[in-house]
PDB file of N, CA and C in Angstrom:
ATOM      1  N   MET A   1     143.633   9.453  62.252  1.00  0.00           N
ATOM      2  CA  MET A   1     143.562   9.222  60.807  1.00  0.00           C
ATOM      3  C   MET A   1     144.510   7.877  60.321  1.00  0.00           C
ATOM      4  N   THR A   2     144.039   7.217  59.535  1.00  0.00           N
ATOM      5  CA  THR A   2     144.989   6.186  58.850  1.00  0.00           C
ATOM      6  C   THR A   2     145.874   6.729  57.654  1.00  0.00           C
ATOM      7  N   GLN A   3     146.796   5.915  57.713  1.00  0.00           N
ATOM      8  CA  GLN A   3     148.050   6.439  56.638  1.00  0.00           C
ATOM      9  C   GLN A   3     147.891   5.535  55.293  1.00  0.00           C
ATOM     10  N   THR A   4     146.853   4.592  55.228  1.00  0.00           N
ATOM     11  CA  THR A   4     146.704   3.981  54.165  1.00  0.00           C
ATOM     12  C   THR A   4     145.431   3.985  53.373  1.00  0.00           C
ATOM     13  N   CYS A   5     145.490   4.218  52.169  1.00  0.00           N
ATOM     14  CA  CYS A   5     144.508   4.656  51.348  1.00  0.00           C
ATOM     15  C   CYS A   5     143.203   3.572  51.441  1.00  0.00           C
ATOM     16  N   PRO A   6     141.980   3.821  51.592  1.00  0.00           N
ATOM     17  CA  PRO A   6     141.054   2.717  51.699  1.00  0.00           C
ATOM     18  C   PRO A   6     140.628   2.326  50.323  1.00  0.00           C
ATOM     19  N   PHE A   7     140.933   2.905  49.254  1.00  0.00           N
ATOM     20  CA  PHE A   7     140.681   2.384  47.899  1.00  0.00           C
ATOM     21  C   PHE A   7     141.933   1.385  47.220  1.00  0.00           C
ATOM     22  N   CYS A   8     143.047   1.771  47.478  1.00  0.00           N
ATOM     23  CA  CYS A   8     144.031   1.262  46.896  1.00  0.00           C
ATOM     24  C   CYS A   8     145.057   0.489  47.889  1.00  0.00           C
ATOM     25  N   GLN A   9     144.838   0.690  49.079  1.00  0.00           N
ATOM     26  CA  GLN A   9     145.785   0.186  49.962  1.00  0.00           C
ATOM     27  C   GLN A   9     147.180   0.481  50.170  1.00  0.00           C
ATOM     28  N   GLN A  10     147.413   1.727  49.397  1.00  0.00           N
ATOM     29  CA  GLN A  10     149.012   2.544  49.208  1.00  0.00           C
ATOM     30  C   GLN A  10     148.892   3.280  50.423  1.00  0.00           C
ATOM     31  N   GLU A  11     150.226   3.780  50.544  1.00  0.00           N
ATOM     32  CA  GLU A  11     150.429   4.994  51.746  1.00  0.00           C
ATOM     33  C   GLU A  11     149.774   6.262  51.023  1.00  0.00           C
ATOM     34  N   ASN A  12     148.930   7.026  51.926  1.00  0.00           N
ATOM     35  CA  ASN A  12     148.385   8.330  51.410  1.00  0.00           C
ATOM     36  C   ASN A  12     149.071   9.561  51.686  1.00  0.00           C
ATOM     37  N   SER A  13     150.139   9.407  52.273  1.00  0.00           N
ATOM     38  CA  SER A  13     151.133  10.713  52.475  1.00  0.00           C
ATOM     39  C   SER A  13     150.311  11.666  53.160  1.00  0.00           C
ATOM     40  N   CYS A  14     149.168  11.550  53.765  1.00  0.00           N
ATOM     41  CA  CYS A  14     148.455  12.426  54.707  1.00  0.00           C
ATOM     42  C   CYS A  14     149.338  13.079  55.477  1.00  0.00           C
ATOM     43  N   THR A  15     149.165  14.638  55.725  1.00  0.00           N
ATOM     44  CA  THR A  15     149.892  15.289  56.653  1.00  0.00           C
ATOM     45  C   THR A  15     148.920  16.366  57.089  1.00  0.00           C
ATOM     46  N   ALA A  16     147.710  16.013  57.172  1.00  0.00           N
ATOM     47  CA  ALA A  16     146.617  16.569  57.918  1.00  0.00           C
ATOM     48  C   ALA A  16     146.972  17.350  59.391  1.00  0.00           C
ATOM     49  N   SER A  17     147.704  16.187  60.101  1.00  0.00           N
ATOM     50  CA  SER A  17     147.834  16.519  61.592  1.00  0.00           C
ATOM     51  C   SER A  17     148.690  17.715  61.569  1.00  0.00           C
ATOM     52  N   SER A  18     149.498  17.955  60.601  1.00  0.00           N
ATOM     53  CA  SER A  18     150.594  18.865  60.813  1.00  0.00           C
ATOM     54  C   SER A  18     150.068  20.425  60.553  1.00  0.00           C
ATOM     55  N   GLY A  19     148.558  20.310  60.312  1.00  0.00           N
ATOM     56  CA  GLY A  19     148.018  21.384  59.490  1.00  0.00           C
ATOM     57  C   GLY A  19     148.131  21.942  58.151  1.00  0.00           C
ATOM     58  N   ASP A  20     148.890  21.325  57.377  1.00  0.00           N
ATOM     59  CA  ASP A  20     149.214  21.336  55.957  1.00  0.00           C
ATOM     60  C   ASP A  20     149.006  20.181  55.373  1.00  0.00           C
ATOM     61  N   CYS A  21     148.188  19.960  54.318  1.00  0.00           N
ATOM     62  CA  CYS A  21     148.256  18.723  53.688  1.00  0.00           C
ATOM     63  C   CYS A  21     147.674  18.810  52.130  1.00  0.00           C
ATOM     64  N   TRP A  22     148.109  18.012  51.263  1.00  0.00           N
ATOM     65  CA  TRP A  22     147.565  18.318  49.754  1.00  0.00           C
ATOM     66  C   TRP A  22     146.247  18.164  49.863  1.00  0.00           C
ATOM     67  N   CYS A  23     145.608  17.285  50.679  1.00  0.00           N
ATOM     68  CA  CYS A  23     143.989  17.066  50.628  1.00  0.00           C
ATOM     69  C   CYS A  23     143.288  18.670  50.977  1.00  0.00           C
ATOM     70  N   PHE A  24     144.251  19.565  51.415  1.00  0.00           N
ATOM     71  CA  PHE A  24     143.420  20.759  52.002  1.00  0.00           C
ATOM     72  C   PHE A  24     143.152  21.700  50.483  1.00  0.00           C
ATOM     73  N   ARG A  25     144.049  21.227  49.583  1.00  0.00           N
ATOM     74  CA  ARG A  25     143.603  21.982  48.512  1.00  0.00           C
ATOM     75  C   ARG A  25     143.207  21.050  47.091  1.00  0.00           C
ATOM     76  N   LEU A  26     142.770  20.118  47.459  1.00  0.00           N
ATOM     77  CA  LEU A  26     142.228  19.224  46.355  1.00  0.00           C
ATOM     78  C   LEU A  26     140.570  18.914  46.890  1.00  0.00           C
ATOM     79  N   SER A  27     139.820  18.980  45.955  1.00  0.00           N
ATOM     80  CA  SER A  27     138.412  18.732  46.364  1.00  0.00           C
ATOM     81  C   SER A  27     138.228  17.097  46.135  1.00  0.00           C
ATOM     82  N   VAL A  28     137.801  16.549  47.308  1.00  0.00           N
ATOM     83  CA  VAL A  28     137.418  15.187  47.066  1.00  0.00           C
ATOM     84  C   VAL A  28     136.140  15.133  46.530  1.00  0.00           C
ATOM     85  N   PRO A  29     135.772  14.380  45.609  1.00  0.00           N
ATOM     86  CA  PRO A  29     134.178  14.188  45.035  1.00  0.00           C
ATOM     87  C   PRO A  29     133.279  13.465  45.767  1.00  0.00           C
ATOM     88  N   SER A  30     131.967  14.139  45.867  1.00  0.00           N
ATOM     89  CA  SER A  30     131.245  13.399  47.016  1.00  0.00           C
ATOM     90  C   SER A  30     130.818  12.192  46.541  1.00  0.00           C
ATOM     91  N   SER A  31     130.767  11.802  45.145  1.00  0.00           N
ATOM     92  CA  SER A  31     130.638  10.237  44.750  1.00  0.00           C
ATOM     93  C   SER A  31     131.646   9.496  45.337  1.00  0.00           C
ATOM     94  N   MET A  32     132.914   9.946  45.309  1.00  0.00           N
ATOM     95  CA  MET A  32     133.984   8.940  46.184  1.00  0.00           C
ATOM     96  C   MET A  32     133.879   8.791  47.619  1.00  0.00           C
ATOM     97  N   LEU A  33     133.239  10.040  48.139  1.00  0.00           N
ATOM     98  CA  LEU A  33     133.079   9.668  49.745  1.00  0.00           C
ATOM     99  C   LEU A  33     131.853   8.671  49.768  1.00  0.00           C
ATOM    100  N   ALA A  34     131.144   8.497  48.812  1.00  0.00           N
ATOM    101  CA  ALA A  34     129.833   7.620  49.108  1.00  0.00           C
ATOM    102  C   ALA A  34     130.496   6.318  48.970  1.00  0.00           C
ATOM    103  N   LEU A  35     131.439   6.124  48.287  1.00  0.00           N
ATOM    104  CA  LEU A  35     131.802   4.781  48.184  1.00  0.00           C
ATOM    105  C   LEU A  35     132.568   4.086  49.499  1.00  0.00           C
ATOM    106  N   LEU A  36     133.158   4.905  50.179  1.00  0.00           N
ATOM    107  CA  LEU A  36     133.518   4.552  51.456  1.00  0.00           C
ATOM    108  C   LEU A  36     132.483   3.679  52.382  1.00  0.00           C
ATOM    109  N   PRO A  37     132.804   2.576  53.060  1.00  0.00           N
ATOM    110  CA  PRO A  37     132.039   2.302  54.274  1.00  0.00           C
ATOM    111  C   PRO A  37     131.696   3.407  55.287  1.00  0.00           C
ATOM    112  N   ALA A  38     130.602   3.261  56.011  1.00  0.00           N
ATOM    113  CA  ALA A  38     130.412   4.312  56.846  1.00  0.00           C
ATOM    114  C   ALA A  38     131.540   4.357  58.026  1.00  0.00           C
ATOM    115  N   GLU A  39     132.226   3.108  58.506  1.00  0.00           N
ATOM    116  CA  GLU A  39     132.950   3.224  59.423  1.00  0.00           C
ATOM    117  C   GLU A  39     134.410   3.953  59.002  1.00  0.00           C
ATOM    118  N   ALA A  40     134.679   4.175  57.825  1.00  0.00           N
ATOM    119  CA  ALA A  40     135.735   4.856  57.359  1.00  0.00           C
ATOM    120  C   ALA A  40     135.559   6.219  57.012  1.00  0.00           C
ATOM    121  N   ARG A  41     134.374   6.776  56.899  1.00  0.00           N
ATOM    122  CA  ARG A  41     134.122   8.299  56.583  1.00  0.00           C
ATOM    123  C   ARG A  41     134.660   9.064  57.838  1.00  0.00           C
ATOM    124  N   ASN A  42     135.334  10.050  57.408  1.00  0.00           N
ATOM    125  CA  ASN A  42     135.992  11.038  58.273  1.00  0.00           C
ATOM    126  C   ASN A  42     136.887  10.435  59.128  1.00  0.00           C
ATOM    127  N   ARG A  43     137.562   9.201  58.690  1.00  0.00           N
ATOM    128  CA  ARG A  43     138.642   8.564  59.514  1.00  0.00           C
ATOM    129  C   ARG A  43     139.734   8.147  58.647  1.00  0.00           C
ATOM    130  N   ASP A  44     139.400   7.631  57.551  1.00  0.00           N
ATOM    131  CA  ASP A  44     140.453   6.973  56.473  1.00  0.00           C
ATOM    132  C   ASP A  44     140.833   8.115  55.673  1.00  0.00           C
ATOM    133  N   CYS A  45     142.077   8.345  55.289  1.00  0.00           N
ATOM    134  CA  CYS A  45     142.497   9.405  54.426  1.00  0.00           C
ATOM    135  C   CYS A  45     142.603   8.805  53.175  1.00  0.00           C
ATOM    136  N   ILE A  46     142.119   9.216  51.893  1.00  0.00           N
ATOM    137  CA  ILE A  46     142.215   8.698  50.643  1.00  0.00           C
ATOM    138  C   ILE A  46     143.405   9.416  49.910  1.00  0.00           C
ATOM    139  N   CYS A  47     144.193   8.565  49.152  1.00  0.00           N
ATOM    140  CA  CYS A  47     145.603   9.168  48.537  1.00  0.00           C
ATOM    141  C   CYS A  47     145.243  10.038  47.389  1.00  0.00           C
ATOM    142  N   GLN A  48     146.108  10.721  46.989  1.00  0.00           N
ATOM    143  CA  GLN A  48     146.049  11.856  45.927  1.00  0.00           C
ATOM    144  C   GLN A  48     145.535  11.058  44.762  1.00  0.00           C
ATOM    145  N   ALA A  49     146.463   9.851  44.509  1.00  0.00           N
ATOM    146  CA  ALA A  49     146.350   9.323  43.035  1.00  0.00           C
ATOM    147  C   ALA A  49     144.847   8.879  42.937  1.00  0.00           C
ATOM    148  N   CYS A  50     144.044   8.311  43.873  1.00  0.00           N
ATOM    149  CA  CYS A  50     142.943   7.748  43.786  1.00  0.00           C
ATOM    150  C   CYS A  50     141.842   9.023  43.824  1.00  0.00           C
ATOM    151  N   VAL A  51     142.010  10.172  44.545  1.00  0.00           N
ATOM    152  CA  VAL A  51     141.380  11.242  44.294  1.00  0.00           C
ATOM    153  C   VAL A  51     141.204  11.786  42.808  1.00  0.00           C
ATOM    154  N   ARG A  52     142.540  11.830  42.369  1.00  0.00           N
ATOM    155  CA  ARG A  52     142.822  12.342  40.768  1.00  0.00           C
ATOM    156  C   ARG A  52     142.006  11.328  40.028  1.00  0.00           C
ATOM    157  N   ALA A  53     142.317   9.961  40.023  1.00  0.00           N
ATOM    158  CA  ALA A  53     141.396   8.939  39.079  1.00  0.00           C
ATOM    159  C   ALA A  53     140.124   9.082  39.366  1.00  0.00           C
ATOM    160  N   CYS A  54     139.390   9.360  40.549  1.00  0.00           N
ATOM    161  CA  CYS A  54     138.004   9.700  40.462  1.00  0.00           C
ATOM    162  C   CYS A  54     137.733  10.935  39.980  1.00  0.00           C
ATOM    163  N   GLN A  55     138.405  11.681  40.235  1.00  0.00           N
ATOM    164  CA  GLN A  55     138.134  13.082  39.351  1.00  0.00           C
ATOM    165  C   GLN A  55     138.093  12.977  37.697  1.00  0.00           C
ATOM    166  N   ALA A  56     138.855  12.441  37.344  1.00  0.00           N
ATOM    167  CA  ALA A  56     139.126  12.385  35.717  1.00  0.00           C
ATOM    168  C   ALA A  56     138.343  11.322  34.983  1.00  0.00           C
ATOM    169  N   ALA A  57     137.829  10.206  35.879  1.00  0.00           N
ATOM    170  CA  ALA A  57     136.620   9.354  35.314  1.00  0.00           C
ATOM    171  C   ALA A  57     136.075   8.727  36.619  1.00  0.00           C
ATOM    172  N   PRO A  58     135.171   9.375  37.058  1.00  0.00           N
ATOM    173  CA  PRO A  58     134.235   8.920  38.333  1.00  0.00           C
ATOM    174  C   PRO A  58     133.611   7.167  38.297  1.00  0.00           C
ATOM    175  N   ASP A  59     133.071   7.326  36.802  1.00  0.00           N
ATOM    176  CA  ASP A  59     132.454   6.036  36.731  1.00  0.00           C
ATOM    177  C   ASP A  59     133.469   4.886  36.668  1.00  0.00           C
ATOM    178  N   ASP A  60     134.391   5.044  35.838  1.00  0.00           N
ATOM    179  CA  ASP A  60     135.370   3.851  36.002  1.00  0.00           C
ATOM    180  C   ASP A  60     136.103   3.811  37.268  1.00  0.00           C
ATOM    181  N   PHE A  61     136.200   4.666  37.965  1.00  0.00           N
ATOM    182  CA  PHE A  61     136.570   4.552  39.736  1.00  0.00           C
ATOM    183  C   PHE A  61     135.981   3.724  40.247  1.00  0.00           C
ATOM    184  N   ALA A  62     134.399   4.071  40.231  1.00  0.00           N
ATOM    185  CA  ALA A  62     133.605   3.379  41.014  1.00  0.00           C
ATOM    186  C   ALA A  62     133.193   2.011  40.700  1.00  0.00           C
ATOM    187  N   ALA A  63     133.460   1.629  39.337  1.00  0.00           N
ATOM    188  CA  ALA A  63     133.322   0.286  39.039  1.00  0.00           C
ATOM    189  C   ALA A  63     134.408  -0.622  39.471  1.00  0.00           C
ATOM    190  N   ARG A  64     135.641   0.035  39.361  1.00  0.00           N
ATOM    191  CA  ARG A  64     136.868  -0.705  39.663  1.00  0.00           C
ATOM    192  C   ARG A  64     136.803  -0.919  41.552  1.00  0.00           C
ATOM    193  N   VAL A  65     136.133   0.182  42.188  1.00  0.00           N
ATOM    194  CA  VAL A  65     135.829  -0.015  43.808  1.00  0.00           C
ATOM    195  C   VAL A  65     134.962  -1.128  43.780  1.00  0.00           C
ATOM    196  N   ARG A  66     133.890  -0.971  43.181  1.00  0.00           N
ATOM    197  CA  ARG A  66     132.689  -2.116  43.348  1.00  0.00           C
ATOM    198  C   ARG A  66     133.292  -3.524  43.243  1.00  0.00           C
ATOM    199  N   GLN A  67     134.200  -3.578  42.230  1.00  0.00           N
ATOM    200  CA  GLN A  67     134.347  -4.974  41.699  1.00  0.00           C
ATOM    201  C   GLN A  67     135.649  -5.903  43.059  1.00  0.00           C
ATOM    202  N   ARG A  68     135.941  -4.826  43.955  1.00  0.00           N
ATOM    203  CA  ARG A  68     136.809  -5.538  45.061  1.00  0.00           C
ATOM    204  C   ARG A  68     135.932  -6.073  46.123  1.00  0.00           C
TER     205      ARG A  68
END
């Protein structure tokens, strides 16, 4: 797993390899996963800030991602 969020390029603070990570307790929206390139799915860890931003305003988040 990568340590950089594919959306914001910031540290994602993933600790999934330890068996306990914040991402185990937070649901990642399927609409967010659909924005990931196929090669990044199940490989790149998304940061908590981006997950929360997408949960709060999914259309705004998608629009920002598509502008990049």
